[in-house]
């Protein structure tokens, strides 16, 4: 009985911790899919004072996307706090470009970082 008591105590602590961990998951406030009908992806999301700024890539000019230049273009877009797109921009050439990261600045702007696979003239 003396050996069983410590094991039961550990089991009860584990179950209690497991139940607590599952009960602290915050509820989803909103969710939304962005993009067009071809491959799209978001690699970086930053919260702003009035919403979010997201960066990644897109391969088409339809759906939420406009202004694709060919291939995959870097795509940056800004949403309000509820995920409604406020503005969007495709940046690129005839081949592939991707924005990997976005960082907000103290003056309310942002900096994009990405990759370019394009022909140089």
N, C-alpha and C. Protein backbone atom coordinates (compact mmCIF):
# COMPACT_ATOMS: atom_id res chain seq x y z
N UNK A 1 0.82 -1.19 0.00
CA UNK A 1 0.00 0.00 0.00
C UNK A 1 0.86 1.25 0.00
N UNK A 2 2.02 1.21 0.70
CA UNK A 2 2.89 2.37 0.76
C UNK A 2 3.47 2.71 -0.61
N UNK A 3 3.69 1.70 -1.45
CA UNK A 3 4.21 1.95 -2.80
C UNK A 3 3.13 2.49 -3.72
N UNK A 4 1.93 2.09 -3.53
CA UNK A 4 0.83 2.50 -4.39
C UNK A 4 0.44 3.95 -4.14
N UNK A 5 0.50 4.41 -2.90
CA UNK A 5 0.08 5.77 -2.56
C UNK A 5 0.87 6.84 -3.31
N UNK A 6 2.22 6.81 -3.36
CA UNK A 6 2.94 7.83 -4.13
C UNK A 6 2.62 7.78 -5.63
N UNK A 7 2.43 6.58 -6.15
CA UNK A 7 2.10 6.47 -7.57
C UNK A 7 0.72 7.04 -7.86
N UNK A 8 -0.23 6.79 -6.97
CA UNK A 8 -1.57 7.34 -7.14
C UNK A 8 -1.54 8.86 -7.03
N UNK A 9 -0.73 9.38 -6.11
CA UNK A 9 -0.61 10.82 -5.94
C UNK A 9 -0.05 11.46 -7.21
N UNK A 10 1.00 10.88 -7.78
CA UNK A 10 1.57 11.39 -9.03
C UNK A 10 0.55 11.32 -10.16
N UNK A 11 -0.20 10.23 -10.23
CA UNK A 11 -1.22 10.09 -11.26
C UNK A 11 -2.28 11.18 -11.12
N UNK A 12 -2.72 11.45 -9.90
CA UNK A 12 -3.73 12.50 -9.67
C UNK A 12 -3.20 13.88 -10.04
N UNK A 13 -1.95 14.16 -9.72
CA UNK A 13 -1.34 15.45 -10.09
C UNK A 13 -1.26 15.57 -11.60
N UNK A 14 -0.84 14.51 -12.28
CA UNK A 14 -0.74 14.53 -13.74
C UNK A 14 -2.10 14.78 -14.37
N UNK A 15 -3.13 14.08 -13.92
CA UNK A 15 -4.48 14.25 -14.47
C UNK A 15 -4.97 15.68 -14.21
N UNK A 16 -4.71 16.21 -13.03
CA UNK A 16 -5.12 17.57 -12.70
C UNK A 16 -4.43 18.58 -13.62
N UNK A 17 -3.13 18.42 -13.85
CA UNK A 17 -2.39 19.32 -14.73
C UNK A 17 -2.89 19.21 -16.17
N UNK A 18 -3.18 18.00 -16.61
CA UNK A 18 -3.68 17.79 -17.96
C UNK A 18 -5.03 18.47 -18.14
N UNK A 19 -5.91 18.33 -17.18
CA UNK A 19 -7.23 18.97 -17.26
C UNK A 19 -7.10 20.49 -17.24
N UNK A 20 -6.19 21.02 -16.44
CA UNK A 20 -5.98 22.47 -16.37
C UNK A 20 -5.43 22.99 -17.68
N UNK A 21 -4.48 22.28 -18.27
CA UNK A 21 -3.88 22.72 -19.53
C UNK A 21 -4.92 22.77 -20.64
N UNK A 22 -5.83 21.83 -20.67
CA UNK A 22 -6.85 21.81 -21.71
C UNK A 22 -7.90 22.90 -21.49
N UNK A 23 -8.14 23.30 -20.27
CA UNK A 23 -9.18 24.29 -20.00
C UNK A 23 -8.70 25.72 -20.22
N UNK A 24 -7.39 25.95 -20.44
CA UNK A 24 -6.89 27.31 -20.61
C UNK A 24 -6.72 27.71 -22.07
N UNK A 25 -7.12 26.89 -23.00
CA UNK A 25 -7.02 27.23 -24.41
C UNK A 25 -8.00 28.36 -24.72
N UNK A 26 -7.48 29.49 -25.23
CA UNK A 26 -8.39 30.61 -25.51
C UNK A 26 -9.31 30.29 -26.69
N UNK A 27 -10.50 30.86 -26.69
CA UNK A 27 -11.43 30.62 -27.81
C UNK A 27 -10.97 31.35 -29.07
N UNK A 28 -11.29 30.81 -30.23
CA UNK A 28 -10.98 31.47 -31.50
C UNK A 28 -11.92 32.66 -31.65
N UNK A 29 -11.34 33.85 -31.89
CA UNK A 29 -12.16 35.06 -32.06
C UNK A 29 -12.66 35.18 -33.49
N UNK A 30 -11.82 34.83 -34.45
CA UNK A 30 -12.23 34.80 -35.85
C UNK A 30 -11.20 34.00 -36.63
N UNK A 31 -11.60 33.48 -37.77
CA UNK A 31 -10.67 32.80 -38.68
C UNK A 31 -11.12 33.05 -40.10
N UNK A 32 -10.15 33.15 -41.01
CA UNK A 32 -10.48 33.48 -42.39
C UNK A 32 -9.39 32.94 -43.30
N UNK A 33 -9.76 32.50 -44.48
CA UNK A 33 -8.81 32.08 -45.51
C UNK A 33 -8.65 33.23 -46.49
N UNK A 34 -7.41 33.54 -46.85
CA UNK A 34 -7.12 34.62 -47.79
C UNK A 34 -6.44 34.04 -49.02
N UNK A 35 -6.55 34.74 -50.15
CA UNK A 35 -5.82 34.35 -51.34
C UNK A 35 -6.72 34.14 -52.53
N UNK A 36 -6.14 33.46 -53.52
CA UNK A 36 -6.84 33.18 -54.76
C UNK A 36 -6.99 31.69 -54.97
N UNK A 37 -7.08 31.29 -56.25
CA UNK A 37 -7.32 29.88 -56.57
C UNK A 37 -6.05 29.10 -56.85
N UNK A 38 -4.90 29.73 -56.77
CA UNK A 38 -3.64 29.03 -56.94
C UNK A 38 -2.93 28.98 -55.59
N UNK A 39 -1.70 28.50 -55.57
CA UNK A 39 -0.96 28.41 -54.31
C UNK A 39 -0.74 29.80 -53.72
N UNK A 40 -1.08 29.95 -52.46
CA UNK A 40 -0.85 31.17 -51.71
C UNK A 40 -0.34 30.77 -50.33
N UNK A 41 0.42 31.64 -49.70
CA UNK A 41 0.87 31.33 -48.35
C UNK A 41 1.20 32.59 -47.58
N UNK A 42 1.00 32.54 -46.28
CA UNK A 42 1.38 33.63 -45.39
C UNK A 42 2.49 33.11 -44.49
N UNK A 43 3.60 33.84 -44.46
CA UNK A 43 4.75 33.43 -43.65
C UNK A 43 4.94 34.28 -42.41
N UNK A 44 4.37 35.48 -42.38
CA UNK A 44 4.60 36.36 -41.25
C UNK A 44 3.35 37.20 -40.98
N UNK A 45 3.00 37.31 -39.71
CA UNK A 45 1.85 38.11 -39.27
C UNK A 45 2.31 38.95 -38.09
N UNK A 46 2.04 40.25 -38.14
CA UNK A 46 2.34 41.14 -37.02
C UNK A 46 1.08 41.91 -36.66
N UNK A 47 0.87 42.06 -35.37
CA UNK A 47 -0.26 42.86 -34.92
C UNK A 47 0.12 44.33 -35.00
N UNK A 48 -0.83 45.15 -35.46
CA UNK A 48 -0.64 46.59 -35.52
C UNK A 48 -1.62 47.23 -34.53
N UNK A 49 -1.60 48.55 -34.45
CA UNK A 49 -2.49 49.26 -33.53
C UNK A 49 -3.96 49.02 -33.88
N UNK A 50 -4.24 48.80 -35.17
CA UNK A 50 -5.64 48.68 -35.60
C UNK A 50 -5.94 47.41 -36.38
N UNK A 51 -5.11 46.38 -36.22
CA UNK A 51 -5.36 45.13 -36.93
C UNK A 51 -4.11 44.30 -37.07
N UNK A 52 -3.89 43.80 -38.29
CA UNK A 52 -2.76 42.92 -38.57
C UNK A 52 -2.19 43.23 -39.94
N UNK A 53 -0.88 43.00 -40.10
CA UNK A 53 -0.25 43.05 -41.41
C UNK A 53 0.33 41.66 -41.67
N UNK A 54 0.09 41.14 -42.88
CA UNK A 54 0.50 39.78 -43.21
C UNK A 54 1.29 39.79 -44.52
N UNK A 55 2.30 38.93 -44.59
CA UNK A 55 3.11 38.83 -45.80
C UNK A 55 3.31 37.38 -46.18
N UNK A 56 3.56 37.18 -47.47
CA UNK A 56 3.80 35.84 -47.99
C UNK A 56 3.93 35.89 -49.49
N UNK A 57 3.15 35.06 -50.18
CA UNK A 57 3.20 35.01 -51.64
C UNK A 57 1.85 34.61 -52.20
N UNK A 58 1.67 34.88 -53.48
CA UNK A 58 0.46 34.46 -54.18
C UNK A 58 0.81 34.15 -55.63
N UNK A 59 0.06 33.27 -56.24
CA UNK A 59 0.35 32.88 -57.61
C UNK A 59 -0.74 33.22 -58.61
N UNK A 60 -1.70 34.05 -58.23
CA UNK A 60 -2.82 34.30 -59.12
C UNK A 60 -3.43 35.66 -58.81
N UNK A 61 -4.17 36.22 -59.76
CA UNK A 61 -4.92 37.47 -59.56
C UNK A 61 -6.41 37.17 -59.55
N UNK A 62 -6.89 36.57 -58.49
CA UNK A 62 -8.33 36.35 -58.31
C UNK A 62 -8.60 36.21 -56.82
N UNK A 63 -9.84 36.07 -56.46
CA UNK A 63 -10.17 36.01 -55.03
C UNK A 63 -9.81 37.32 -54.35
N UNK A 64 -9.03 37.24 -53.28
CA UNK A 64 -8.57 38.43 -52.56
C UNK A 64 -7.38 39.10 -53.23
N UNK A 65 -6.83 38.49 -54.26
CA UNK A 65 -5.57 38.94 -54.86
C UNK A 65 -5.82 39.70 -56.15
N UNK A 66 -5.09 40.79 -56.33
CA UNK A 66 -5.11 41.51 -57.61
C UNK A 66 -3.71 42.05 -57.88
N UNK A 67 -3.35 42.16 -59.15
CA UNK A 67 -2.08 42.75 -59.52
C UNK A 67 -0.91 41.80 -59.61
N UNK A 68 -1.15 40.49 -59.75
CA UNK A 68 -0.04 39.54 -59.90
C UNK A 68 0.67 39.81 -61.21
N UNK A 69 2.02 39.75 -61.18
CA UNK A 69 2.84 40.07 -62.34
C UNK A 69 3.35 38.84 -63.08
N UNK A 70 3.01 37.65 -62.64
CA UNK A 70 3.50 36.41 -63.24
C UNK A 70 4.28 35.61 -62.22
N UNK A 71 4.19 34.31 -62.31
CA UNK A 71 4.83 33.47 -61.30
C UNK A 71 4.23 33.74 -59.93
N UNK A 72 5.00 33.51 -58.90
CA UNK A 72 4.56 33.85 -57.54
C UNK A 72 5.05 35.26 -57.23
N UNK A 73 4.19 36.10 -56.72
CA UNK A 73 4.56 37.45 -56.31
C UNK A 73 4.55 37.55 -54.80
N UNK A 74 5.40 38.43 -54.28
CA UNK A 74 5.31 38.77 -52.87
C UNK A 74 3.98 39.45 -52.62
N UNK A 75 3.31 39.09 -51.54
CA UNK A 75 1.99 39.65 -51.25
C UNK A 75 1.99 40.18 -49.83
N UNK A 76 1.57 41.42 -49.68
CA UNK A 76 1.42 42.04 -48.36
C UNK A 76 0.00 42.59 -48.28
N UNK A 77 -0.65 42.37 -47.15
CA UNK A 77 -1.99 42.93 -46.97
C UNK A 77 -2.23 43.27 -45.51
N UNK A 78 -3.11 44.24 -45.32
CA UNK A 78 -3.43 44.76 -43.99
C UNK A 78 -4.89 44.47 -43.71
N UNK A 79 -5.19 43.98 -42.51
CA UNK A 79 -6.58 43.74 -42.11
C UNK A 79 -6.91 44.58 -40.88
N UNK A 80 -8.20 44.72 -40.62
CA UNK A 80 -8.62 45.33 -39.37
C UNK A 80 -8.58 44.25 -38.28
N UNK A 81 -9.04 44.58 -37.10
CA UNK A 81 -9.00 43.63 -35.98
C UNK A 81 -9.88 42.41 -36.18
N UNK A 82 -10.80 42.44 -37.14
CA UNK A 82 -11.70 41.31 -37.39
C UNK A 82 -11.36 40.57 -38.68
N UNK A 83 -10.19 40.88 -39.28
CA UNK A 83 -9.73 40.13 -40.45
C UNK A 83 -10.22 40.64 -41.78
N UNK A 84 -10.91 41.78 -41.81
CA UNK A 84 -11.38 42.35 -43.07
C UNK A 84 -10.21 43.08 -43.74
N UNK A 85 -9.92 42.73 -45.00
CA UNK A 85 -8.79 43.34 -45.70
C UNK A 85 -9.05 44.83 -45.91
N UNK A 86 -8.08 45.66 -45.49
CA UNK A 86 -8.15 47.11 -45.68
C UNK A 86 -7.41 47.54 -46.94
N UNK A 87 -6.27 46.91 -47.20
CA UNK A 87 -5.52 47.15 -48.43
C UNK A 87 -4.63 45.94 -48.70
N UNK A 88 -4.17 45.83 -49.97
CA UNK A 88 -3.35 44.70 -50.38
C UNK A 88 -2.45 45.13 -51.53
N UNK A 89 -1.31 44.44 -51.68
CA UNK A 89 -0.37 44.79 -52.75
C UNK A 89 0.44 43.56 -53.14
N UNK A 90 0.49 43.28 -54.45
CA UNK A 90 1.39 42.27 -55.02
C UNK A 90 2.62 43.00 -55.53
N UNK A 91 3.79 42.49 -55.19
CA UNK A 91 5.04 43.10 -55.65
C UNK A 91 5.88 42.00 -56.27
N UNK A 92 6.33 42.23 -57.53
CA UNK A 92 7.16 41.23 -58.16
C UNK A 92 7.34 41.46 -59.64
N UNK A 93 8.07 40.55 -60.24
CA UNK A 93 8.33 40.57 -61.67
C UNK A 93 7.67 39.37 -62.32
N UNK A 94 8.28 38.90 -63.40
CA UNK A 94 7.68 37.81 -64.17
C UNK A 94 7.97 36.42 -63.60
N UNK A 95 8.90 36.32 -62.67
CA UNK A 95 9.20 35.01 -62.06
C UNK A 95 8.70 34.99 -60.62
N UNK A 96 9.48 34.47 -59.68
CA UNK A 96 8.97 34.25 -58.32
C UNK A 96 9.59 35.19 -57.28
N UNK A 97 8.73 35.73 -56.43
CA UNK A 97 9.13 36.56 -55.30
C UNK A 97 8.30 36.15 -54.09
N UNK A 98 8.90 36.21 -52.92
CA UNK A 98 8.22 35.81 -51.68
C UNK A 98 8.63 36.78 -50.57
N UNK A 99 7.67 37.21 -49.76
CA UNK A 99 7.98 37.95 -48.54
C UNK A 99 7.98 36.96 -47.39
N UNK A 100 9.14 36.81 -46.74
CA UNK A 100 9.27 35.86 -45.64
C UNK A 100 8.92 36.45 -44.28
N UNK A 101 9.08 37.77 -44.13
CA UNK A 101 8.89 38.37 -42.81
C UNK A 101 8.44 39.81 -42.94
N UNK A 102 7.74 40.28 -41.92
CA UNK A 102 7.34 41.68 -41.81
C UNK A 102 7.64 42.12 -40.38
N UNK A 103 8.09 43.35 -40.25
CA UNK A 103 8.33 43.93 -38.93
C UNK A 103 7.72 45.31 -38.89
N UNK A 104 6.95 45.60 -37.86
CA UNK A 104 6.38 46.94 -37.72
C UNK A 104 7.45 47.89 -37.20
N UNK A 105 7.29 49.17 -37.52
CA UNK A 105 8.22 50.20 -37.08
C UNK A 105 7.52 51.13 -36.09
N UNK A 106 8.31 51.91 -35.37
CA UNK A 106 7.74 52.79 -34.33
C UNK A 106 6.90 53.91 -34.91
N UNK A 107 7.09 54.25 -36.18
CA UNK A 107 6.30 55.33 -36.79
C UNK A 107 5.01 54.82 -37.45
N UNK A 108 4.66 53.55 -37.22
CA UNK A 108 3.43 52.99 -37.78
C UNK A 108 3.61 52.34 -39.13
N UNK A 109 4.82 52.35 -39.67
CA UNK A 109 5.10 51.70 -40.95
C UNK A 109 5.51 50.25 -40.74
N UNK A 110 6.13 49.70 -41.77
CA UNK A 110 6.59 48.32 -41.68
C UNK A 110 7.74 48.09 -42.64
N UNK A 111 8.49 47.04 -42.39
CA UNK A 111 9.63 46.63 -43.23
C UNK A 111 9.36 45.20 -43.68
N UNK A 112 9.56 44.93 -44.98
CA UNK A 112 9.38 43.60 -45.54
C UNK A 112 10.74 42.98 -45.83
N UNK A 113 10.84 41.68 -45.66
CA UNK A 113 12.05 40.93 -46.00
C UNK A 113 11.62 39.75 -46.86
N UNK A 114 12.36 39.49 -47.95
CA UNK A 114 11.94 38.40 -48.81
C UNK A 114 13.01 37.93 -49.76
N UNK A 115 12.57 37.13 -50.74
CA UNK A 115 13.47 36.52 -51.73
C UNK A 115 12.96 36.82 -53.13
N UNK A 116 13.90 36.93 -54.06
CA UNK A 116 13.56 37.21 -55.45
C UNK A 116 14.25 36.19 -56.34
N UNK A 117 13.48 35.58 -57.26
CA UNK A 117 14.03 34.74 -58.32
C UNK A 117 13.53 35.37 -59.60
N UNK A 118 14.35 36.20 -60.21
CA UNK A 118 13.90 36.95 -61.37
C UNK A 118 15.07 37.17 -62.31
N UNK A 119 14.79 37.44 -63.55
CA UNK A 119 15.85 37.71 -64.51
C UNK A 119 16.28 39.17 -64.37
N UNK A 120 17.58 39.40 -64.35
CA UNK A 120 18.11 40.75 -64.25
C UNK A 120 18.49 41.24 -65.64
N UNK A 121 18.13 42.45 -65.95
CA UNK A 121 18.45 43.03 -67.26
C UNK A 121 19.47 44.12 -67.10
